[in-house]
Amino acid sequence: MRVFRRARGSRRRRAARTPRIAVPIPAAVRVLLGSLPGLAAVAALALCASGVERTGAVSERPAKARSAATPYSSAKPHIVPRSAWLDGSTRGQPPPRYDAEVVAVFVHHTDSPNGYACTDAPRIIRSLYAGQTGSRQWDDIGYNFLVDRCGTIYEGRAGGVDRPVTGAHTQGFNHGTTGVAALGTFTAGVPVPQAMTEAIARLAAWKLGMSQIDPRADVPLVSSNGRSRYAAGTTARLPALAGHKDGFMTSCPGAALSALLPQIRQTAAALQGR
């Protein structure tokens, strides 16, 4: 989509340079002008290849344009550190693993009760951590982030919220992605708190903005595990803001929350300035 805007901007710039007053033009100059469109096309290709965008003066108040200096991004939301819920119960675990960048966000629900007080969220997260590192024998909680019904965002997996930490949330698609879990169960007919969906949108806008990913886009992801929806090594095009069920055979994040994902994508895109 950006290439199209640049090309269109190039046509506007050529139009802006076209003389508006008819005056006698020497033959040599007419030949030069006749060759200008071809040269302009080459120049446009060079600009696209280098990633440079410029705004042409096509009116007294030209449309505002984005450039590499003003990327599509969003402010970092407030994130409660994992120390707020760990309560000294951490287990020995290996160092965190990292990917090059985050290009997709997978949304989950925790399949736990909904009628909790938000002040009780740290205890619920600690219980999830105990289950995943205990009976499942994972090295840490699988989700990178968790969001409660009041819209509070918690750091999940260790490694740094600003970094592309490899999670354990979507089998086959843990690399280059981040996992955010909504505390509760959001099957068909269950109300999803607006504060929760807005928090997910803020988090997704920020994380995807770091790699200039449009939350409404589809992105190529390579499956690393044949137990996912795709055979290992298969490249799948999945939503940049996806539900767990998009990558794995599950009903998570529930029919009610899944139905709101298009709206969450739009909100996240708007937060990025798109």
Protein backbone atom coordinates (compact mmCIF):
# COMPACT_ATOMS: atom_id res chain seq x y z
CA MET A 1 0.00 0.00 0.00
CA ARG A 2 2.86 2.41 0.69
CA VAL A 3 4.38 1.88 -2.73
CA PHE A 4 1.08 2.91 -4.27
CA ARG A 5 0.99 6.12 -2.25
CA ARG A 6 4.51 7.00 -3.29
CA ALA A 7 3.75 6.43 -6.93
CA ARG A 8 0.65 8.56 -6.68
CA GLY A 9 2.67 11.25 -4.89
CA SER A 10 5.18 11.14 -7.75
CA ARG A 11 2.40 11.81 -10.28
CA ARG A 12 1.27 14.81 -8.21
CA ARG A 13 4.82 16.16 -8.17
CA ARG A 14 5.09 15.82 -11.93
CA ALA A 15 1.76 17.62 -12.30
CA ALA A 16 2.96 20.42 -10.03
CA ARG A 17 6.01 20.98 -12.23
CA THR A 18 4.00 21.14 -15.46
CA PRO A 19 3.99 24.75 -16.84
CA ARG A 20 0.58 26.43 -16.64
CA ILE A 21 1.30 29.29 -19.07
CA ALA A 22 1.65 28.59 -22.79
CA VAL A 23 4.87 30.24 -24.06
CA PRO A 24 7.04 29.51 -27.11
CA ILE A 25 9.38 26.62 -26.34
CA PRO A 26 12.58 25.98 -28.33
CA ALA A 27 12.76 22.66 -30.14
CA ALA A 28 15.62 21.39 -27.94
CA VAL A 29 13.62 22.10 -24.81
CA ARG A 30 10.55 20.33 -26.29
CA VAL A 31 12.68 17.24 -26.84
CA LEU A 32 13.90 17.42 -23.26
CA LEU A 33 10.37 17.78 -21.90
CA GLY A 34 9.25 14.88 -24.06
CA SER A 35 11.76 12.63 -22.32
CA LEU A 36 10.82 13.80 -18.80
CA PRO A 37 8.14 11.17 -17.99
CA GLY A 38 10.61 8.33 -18.50
CA LEU A 39 13.19 10.02 -16.29
CA ALA A 40 10.56 10.73 -13.65
CA ALA A 41 9.55 7.08 -13.62
CA VAL A 42 13.17 6.02 -13.05
CA ALA A 43 13.46 8.56 -10.26
CA ALA A 44 10.25 7.25 -8.65
CA LEU A 45 11.61 3.68 -8.70
CA ALA A 46 14.84 4.88 -7.06
CA LEU A 47 12.87 6.63 -4.34
CA CYS A 48 10.81 3.51 -3.62
CA ALA A 49 13.93 1.34 -3.43
CA SER A 50 15.62 3.66 -0.95
CA GLY A 51 12.49 4.12 1.17
CA VAL A 52 12.52 7.91 0.83
CA GLU A 53 9.17 9.72 0.75
CA ARG A 54 8.66 13.41 -0.07
CA THR A 55 5.59 15.59 -0.28
CA GLY A 56 4.90 17.44 -3.53
CA ALA A 57 3.49 20.96 -3.44
CA VAL A 58 0.24 20.30 -5.24
CA SER A 59 -1.81 22.95 -3.45
CA GLU A 60 -1.45 25.73 -0.97
CA ARG A 61 -2.26 23.21 1.83
CA PRO A 62 -0.73 19.86 0.79
CA ALA A 63 -1.93 16.65 2.40
CA LYS A 64 0.11 15.47 5.36
CA ALA A 65 2.38 12.56 4.43
CA ARG A 66 4.24 9.95 6.45
CA SER A 67 7.94 9.33 6.04
CA ALA A 68 10.66 7.21 7.56
CA ALA A 69 11.16 10.01 10.07
CA THR A 70 7.51 9.81 11.21
CA PRO A 71 6.71 6.09 11.37
CA TYR A 72 3.40 4.52 12.26
CA SER A 73 3.80 3.90 15.96
CA SER A 74 1.93 4.14 19.23
CA ALA A 75 2.84 5.12 22.76
CA LYS A 76 3.86 2.41 25.18
CA PRO A 77 0.97 1.63 27.54
CA HIS A 78 1.45 1.26 31.27
CA ILE A 79 2.54 -2.30 32.04
CA VAL A 80 2.66 -3.70 35.58
CA PRO A 81 5.96 -5.57 36.08
CA ARG A 82 5.98 -9.30 36.80
CA SER A 83 7.43 -8.62 40.23
CA ALA A 84 3.93 -7.42 41.22
CA TRP A 85 2.46 -10.91 40.85
CA LEU A 86 5.44 -13.24 41.30
CA ASP A 87 5.57 -12.60 45.05
CA GLY A 88 8.89 -14.39 45.42
CA SER A 89 7.57 -17.64 43.96
CA THR A 90 9.90 -17.68 40.96
CA ARG A 91 11.50 -20.98 39.99
CA GLY A 92 14.88 -21.62 38.47
CA GLN A 93 14.62 -21.02 34.74
CA PRO A 94 16.95 -20.68 31.76
CA PRO A 95 17.73 -17.25 30.25
CA PRO A 96 14.97 -15.83 28.03
CA ARG A 97 15.11 -16.37 24.28
CA TYR A 98 14.61 -13.62 21.72
CA ASP A 99 13.55 -13.23 18.10
CA ALA A 100 14.57 -10.48 15.68
CA GLU A 101 11.25 -8.61 15.98
CA VAL A 102 7.55 -9.00 16.74
CA VAL A 103 5.39 -9.13 13.61
CA ALA A 104 2.18 -10.59 15.06
CA VAL A 105 0.17 -10.65 18.28
CA PHE A 106 -1.86 -13.70 19.33
CA VAL A 107 -4.84 -13.11 21.63
CA HIS A 108 -5.86 -15.76 24.16
CA HIS A 109 -8.24 -16.16 27.07
CA THR A 110 -7.15 -17.95 30.22
CA ASP A 111 -10.33 -20.07 30.54
CA SER A 112 -10.65 -19.02 34.18
CA PRO A 113 -13.58 -17.44 36.11
CA ASN A 114 -14.73 -13.95 35.08
CA GLY A 115 -16.21 -12.59 38.30
CA TYR A 116 -12.94 -11.66 39.99
CA ALA A 117 -12.01 -8.37 41.63
CA CYS A 118 -9.28 -6.65 39.64
CA THR A 119 -7.18 -6.41 42.78
CA ASP A 120 -7.14 -10.21 42.69
CA ALA A 121 -5.53 -10.35 39.22
CA PRO A 122 -1.96 -10.82 40.54
CA ARG A 123 -3.06 -13.92 42.49
CA ILE A 124 -4.77 -15.34 39.37
CA ILE A 125 -1.66 -14.79 37.25
CA ARG A 126 0.50 -16.38 39.93
CA SER A 127 -1.81 -19.41 39.87
CA LEU A 128 -1.47 -19.65 36.07
CA TYR A 129 2.30 -19.44 36.42
CA ALA A 130 2.30 -22.20 39.03
CA GLY A 131 0.23 -24.47 36.77
CA GLN A 132 2.32 -23.92 33.66
CA THR A 133 5.69 -24.28 35.42
CA GLY A 134 4.44 -27.10 37.65
CA SER A 135 2.27 -29.76 36.04
CA ARG A 136 3.18 -28.65 32.50
CA GLN A 137 6.85 -28.23 33.38
CA TRP A 138 7.31 -25.08 31.31
CA ASP A 139 10.29 -22.85 32.08
CA ASP A 140 8.06 -19.79 32.69
CA ILE A 141 4.53 -18.55 32.15
CA GLY A 142 3.80 -18.87 28.44
CA TYR A 143 2.05 -15.54 27.80
CA ASN A 144 4.13 -12.42 27.22
CA PHE A 145 1.35 -10.23 28.63
CA LEU A 146 -1.93 -10.59 30.50
CA VAL A 147 -4.84 -8.15 30.69
CA ASP A 148 -7.51 -8.09 33.41
CA ARG A 149 -11.16 -7.04 33.16
CA CYS A 150 -10.31 -3.49 34.28
CA GLY A 151 -7.81 -3.01 31.45
CA THR A 152 -4.64 -3.38 33.50
CA ILE A 153 -1.77 -4.87 31.50
CA TYR A 154 0.68 -7.18 33.28
CA GLU A 155 4.10 -8.35 32.17
CA GLY A 156 4.06 -12.13 31.81
CA ARG A 157 7.07 -14.02 30.50
CA ALA A 158 10.47 -12.74 31.61
CA GLY A 159 12.88 -11.02 29.27
CA GLY A 160 11.77 -7.39 29.06
CA VAL A 161 8.49 -5.96 27.76
CA ASP A 162 10.31 -3.80 25.19
CA ARG A 163 12.12 -6.78 23.66
CA PRO A 164 10.90 -9.50 21.22
CA VAL A 165 10.80 -12.28 23.81
CA THR A 166 10.03 -15.76 22.44
CA GLY A 167 6.90 -16.92 24.23
CA ALA A 168 5.14 -20.26 24.72
CA HIS A 169 1.58 -19.35 23.82
CA THR A 170 0.76 -20.55 20.29
CA GLN A 171 2.30 -23.87 19.34
CA GLY A 172 4.03 -23.56 15.99
CA PHE A 173 3.97 -19.76 16.01
CA ASN A 174 5.88 -18.60 19.07
CA HIS A 175 8.71 -17.05 17.02
CA GLY A 176 8.36 -13.43 15.95
CA THR A 177 5.10 -13.09 17.84
CA THR A 178 3.86 -12.01 21.25
CA GLY A 179 1.03 -13.57 23.24
CA VAL A 180 -1.50 -11.57 25.27
CA ALA A 181 -4.00 -13.39 27.47
CA ALA A 182 -7.33 -11.95 28.59
CA LEU A 183 -8.05 -13.07 32.16
CA GLY A 184 -11.38 -14.90 31.99
CA THR A 185 -13.49 -17.09 29.73
CA PHE A 186 -15.09 -15.43 26.70
CA THR A 187 -17.20 -18.04 24.98
CA ALA A 188 -20.33 -17.17 22.95
CA GLY A 189 -22.65 -14.75 24.72
CA VAL A 190 -20.20 -13.74 27.45
CA PRO A 191 -19.73 -9.95 27.71
CA VAL A 192 -16.16 -8.79 27.07
CA PRO A 193 -15.25 -5.68 29.13
CA GLN A 194 -14.50 -2.68 26.94
CA ALA A 195 -11.57 -1.74 29.17
CA MET A 196 -10.03 -5.12 28.35
CA THR A 197 -10.40 -4.83 24.57
CA GLU A 198 -9.06 -1.26 24.62
CA ALA A 199 -6.01 -2.40 26.59
CA ILE A 200 -5.35 -5.22 24.10
CA ALA A 201 -5.57 -2.67 21.27
CA ARG A 202 -3.10 -0.32 23.00
CA LEU A 203 -0.67 -3.15 23.63
CA ALA A 204 -0.90 -4.48 20.05
CA ALA A 205 -0.52 -1.01 18.54
CA TRP A 206 2.66 -0.44 20.52
CA LYS A 207 4.28 -3.86 19.96
CA LEU A 208 3.45 -4.02 16.23
CA GLY A 209 4.41 -0.38 15.77
CA MET A 210 7.99 -1.24 16.71
CA SER A 211 8.27 -3.24 13.49
CA GLN A 212 5.95 -1.00 11.44
CA ILE A 213 3.24 -3.67 11.15
CA ASP A 214 -0.34 -2.62 10.40
CA PRO A 215 -2.60 -4.43 12.93
CA ARG A 216 -5.17 -4.93 10.12
CA ALA A 217 -2.70 -6.66 7.81
CA ASP A 218 -1.86 -10.31 7.22
CA VAL A 219 1.73 -11.39 7.76
CA PRO A 220 3.72 -14.49 6.69
CA LEU A 221 4.60 -16.78 9.60
CA VAL A 222 6.46 -20.07 9.31
CA SER A 223 5.11 -22.96 11.39
CA SER A 224 7.74 -24.57 13.60
CA ASN A 225 5.55 -27.44 14.80
CA GLY A 226 3.32 -29.88 12.92
CA ARG A 227 0.88 -29.94 15.85
CA SER A 228 -0.31 -26.47 14.87
CA ARG A 229 -2.85 -25.87 12.11
CA TYR A 230 0.03 -25.96 9.62
CA ALA A 231 2.73 -28.53 8.94
CA ALA A 232 6.18 -27.64 10.20
CA GLY A 233 8.00 -25.46 7.67
CA THR A 234 4.77 -24.22 6.08
CA THR A 235 4.46 -20.48 5.53
CA ALA A 236 1.00 -19.32 6.55
CA ARG A 237 -0.47 -15.85 6.09
CA LEU A 238 -2.16 -15.01 9.37
CA PRO A 239 -3.62 -11.80 10.81
CA ALA A 240 -1.03 -9.57 12.44
CA LEU A 241 -3.49 -9.39 15.34
CA ALA A 242 -4.73 -12.97 15.49
CA GLY A 243 -6.71 -15.23 17.76
CA HIS A 244 -5.05 -18.33 19.19
CA LYS A 245 -7.35 -20.46 17.02
CA ASP A 246 -5.88 -18.92 13.85
CA GLY A 247 -2.67 -20.83 14.47
CA PHE A 248 -3.76 -23.79 16.60
CA MET A 249 -6.72 -26.18 16.77
CA THR A 250 -8.62 -24.56 19.63
CA SER A 251 -11.63 -22.36 20.32
CA CYS A 252 -9.43 -19.87 22.24
CA PRO A 253 -9.86 -16.92 22.76
CA GLY A 254 -13.55 -17.81 22.77
CA ALA A 255 -16.30 -16.87 20.33
CA ALA A 256 -17.17 -13.60 22.10
CA LEU A 257 -13.61 -12.23 22.15
CA SER A 258 -12.88 -13.60 18.66
CA ALA A 259 -15.85 -11.63 17.30
CA LEU A 260 -14.30 -8.41 18.62
CA LEU A 261 -10.89 -8.89 17.00
CA PRO A 262 -11.79 -6.88 13.84
CA GLN A 263 -12.79 -3.95 16.05
CA ILE A 264 -9.61 -4.31 18.12
CA ARG A 265 -7.53 -4.28 14.92
CA GLN A 266 -9.19 -1.05 13.78
CA THR A 267 -8.63 0.59 17.16
CA ALA A 268 -4.98 -0.47 17.18
CA ALA A 269 -4.46 0.87 13.65
CA ALA A 270 -6.00 4.21 14.64
CA LEU A 271 -3.69 4.39 17.64
CA GLN A 272 -0.76 3.99 15.24
CA GLY A 273 -2.05 6.96 13.24
CA ARG A 274 -3.23 4.92 10.26
